Protein backbone atom coordinates (compact mmCIF):
# COMPACT_ATOMS: atom_id res chain seq x y z
CA MET A 1 0.13 0.13 -0.09
CA LEU A 2 2.76 2.46 0.94
CA GLY A 3 4.90 3.84 -2.02
CA LYS A 4 8.17 5.77 -1.72
CA LEU A 5 9.23 8.14 0.46
CA ASN A 6 8.36 11.79 -1.29
CA HIS A 7 9.85 14.16 1.18
CA VAL A 8 10.80 14.79 4.80
CA ALA A 9 9.82 18.16 5.89
CA ILE A 10 11.63 20.75 8.16
CA ALA A 11 10.39 23.29 10.21
CA CYS A 12 12.78 26.43 9.85
CA SER A 13 13.17 29.11 12.39
CA ASP A 14 14.79 30.83 9.17
CA LEU A 15 13.71 29.75 5.93
CA ASP A 16 15.96 31.57 3.90
CA LYS A 17 19.14 30.74 5.81
CA THR A 18 18.32 27.20 5.81
CA ALA A 19 17.79 27.19 1.76
CA LYS A 20 20.63 29.06 1.57
CA PHE A 21 22.93 26.39 3.19
CA TYR A 22 21.47 23.52 0.62
CA ARG A 23 21.80 25.87 -2.55
CA ASP A 24 25.46 26.93 -1.55
CA LEU A 25 25.99 22.92 -1.45
CA GLY A 26 24.92 22.68 -5.06
CA VAL A 27 21.54 21.31 -4.30
CA LYS A 28 18.55 22.50 -6.58
CA VAL A 29 16.21 24.66 -4.12
CA SER A 30 13.01 25.93 -5.47
CA GLU A 31 11.49 29.23 -5.11
CA THR A 32 9.71 30.20 -1.86
CA VAL A 33 5.92 29.28 -2.34
CA PRO A 34 2.83 30.21 -0.06
CA LEU A 35 0.44 27.74 0.68
CA PRO A 36 -2.15 29.62 2.87
CA GLU A 37 -4.88 26.69 3.06
CA HIS A 38 -2.18 24.98 5.03
CA GLY A 39 -0.54 27.85 6.71
CA VAL A 40 3.21 27.61 5.47
CA TYR A 41 5.47 28.67 3.13
CA THR A 42 7.38 26.10 1.49
CA VAL A 43 10.80 25.67 -0.34
CA PHE A 44 11.66 22.18 -1.96
CA VAL A 45 15.17 20.86 -1.46
CA ASN A 46 15.56 18.35 -4.43
CA PHE A 47 18.09 15.52 -4.40
CA GLY A 48 16.74 13.50 -7.25
CA ASN A 49 15.87 10.26 -5.11
CA THR A 50 13.80 12.54 -2.56
CA LYS A 51 13.01 15.72 -1.38
CA ILE A 52 13.15 17.94 1.82
CA GLU A 53 10.66 20.27 2.19
CA LEU A 54 11.48 23.52 4.18
CA LEU A 55 8.60 24.89 6.46
CA LYS A 56 7.82 28.21 7.75
CA PRO A 57 4.96 29.63 9.43
CA TYR A 58 2.12 31.62 7.20
CA GLY A 59 -0.59 33.51 9.20
CA ASP A 60 -1.66 33.09 12.69
CA LYS A 61 -3.05 29.60 12.65
CA SER A 62 0.13 27.93 11.05
CA PRO A 63 0.78 24.46 12.59
CA ILE A 64 4.38 25.31 12.21
CA GLU A 65 4.15 27.98 14.68
CA GLY A 66 3.43 26.03 17.52
CA PHE A 67 6.27 23.53 16.32
CA LEU A 68 8.72 26.39 16.43
CA LYS A 69 7.66 27.53 19.89
CA LYS A 70 8.62 24.01 21.30
CA ASN A 71 11.63 23.66 18.72
CA LYS A 72 13.45 27.23 18.48
CA ASP A 73 15.95 25.89 16.13
CA GLY A 74 13.40 24.13 14.03
CA GLY A 75 13.50 20.66 13.19
CA ILE A 76 11.97 17.61 11.19
CA HIS A 77 8.22 18.33 11.41
CA HIS A 78 6.83 15.57 9.21
CA VAL A 79 7.52 12.84 6.75
CA CYS A 80 5.64 12.10 3.37
CA ILE A 81 4.58 8.79 1.53
CA GLU A 82 3.46 8.42 -1.99
CA VAL A 83 0.24 5.96 -2.00
CA PRO A 84 -1.40 4.75 -4.96
CA LYS A 85 -4.84 5.34 -4.08
CA ILE A 86 -5.21 7.80 -1.19
CA GLU A 87 -8.93 7.04 -0.25
CA GLU A 88 -8.00 3.39 -0.40
CA ALA A 89 -5.28 3.97 2.16
CA MET A 90 -7.27 6.46 4.22
CA LYS A 91 -9.71 3.21 4.60
CA LYS A 92 -7.15 1.25 5.52
CA VAL A 93 -5.36 3.32 8.19
CA LYS A 94 -8.80 3.94 9.70
CA GLU A 95 -9.55 0.05 9.69
CA MET A 96 -6.07 -0.19 11.67
CA GLY A 97 -7.38 2.43 14.18
CA VAL A 98 -4.96 4.95 12.98
CA ARG A 99 -6.87 8.57 13.09
CA THR A 100 -6.49 11.00 10.66
CA LEU A 101 -6.33 14.82 11.25
CA THR A 102 -8.89 15.64 9.06
CA GLU A 103 -11.69 13.59 7.26
CA THR A 104 -11.11 14.56 3.83
CA THR A 105 -7.98 14.94 1.92
CA LYS A 106 -6.77 18.45 0.79
CA ILE A 107 -4.76 19.45 -1.89
CA GLY A 108 -0.97 19.66 -1.26
CA ALA A 109 2.13 21.27 -2.16
CA HIS A 110 2.50 19.23 -5.18
CA GLY A 111 -1.05 19.86 -6.28
CA LYS A 112 -1.82 16.33 -5.13
CA PRO A 113 -4.41 15.04 -2.52
CA VAL A 114 -2.86 14.73 0.92
CA VAL A 115 -4.02 13.42 4.45
CA PHE A 116 -1.71 13.70 7.59
CA LEU A 117 -2.09 10.72 10.05
CA HIS A 118 -1.64 11.13 13.77
CA PRO A 119 1.71 11.07 15.24
CA LYS A 120 0.07 9.29 18.42
CA ASP A 121 -0.72 6.64 15.96
CA CYS A 122 2.38 6.62 13.93
CA GLY A 123 5.25 5.97 16.47
CA GLY A 124 5.65 9.72 17.36
CA VAL A 125 5.67 10.93 13.85
CA LEU A 126 3.66 12.97 11.83
CA VAL A 127 2.83 11.00 8.95
CA GLU A 128 1.47 12.57 5.32
CA LEU A 129 0.42 10.50 2.73
CA GLU A 130 0.24 11.87 -0.43
CA GLN A 131 -1.50 10.51 -3.68
CA GLU A 132 1.44 9.29 -6.56
């Protein structure tokens, strides 16, 4: 049911500084994209075989703001795993007793449906499932 690792997301206290770190090391780094519906600014660092998503709070209700209050220097926020059929994956994880953070999918940073799984049901890790 699970596909490949799409990205690891890192909440950043200084998005520009973190993006520059990767860019200066010769890695392809995207421009900053605002995603107001998710409460974040996002930058993707593309390694070819996978990506790192850099996150910065956008707006007052950003889920990243609370994370950065607890982790002032930033850190790993979530992992994103691709699934072939997101509705089937949601059904399966719910049958397993895994809670989703929303009842329906949302469109994520790649323009594809995504859903987040509760970290307390996933070994302490916030997991994002993304339609392939």
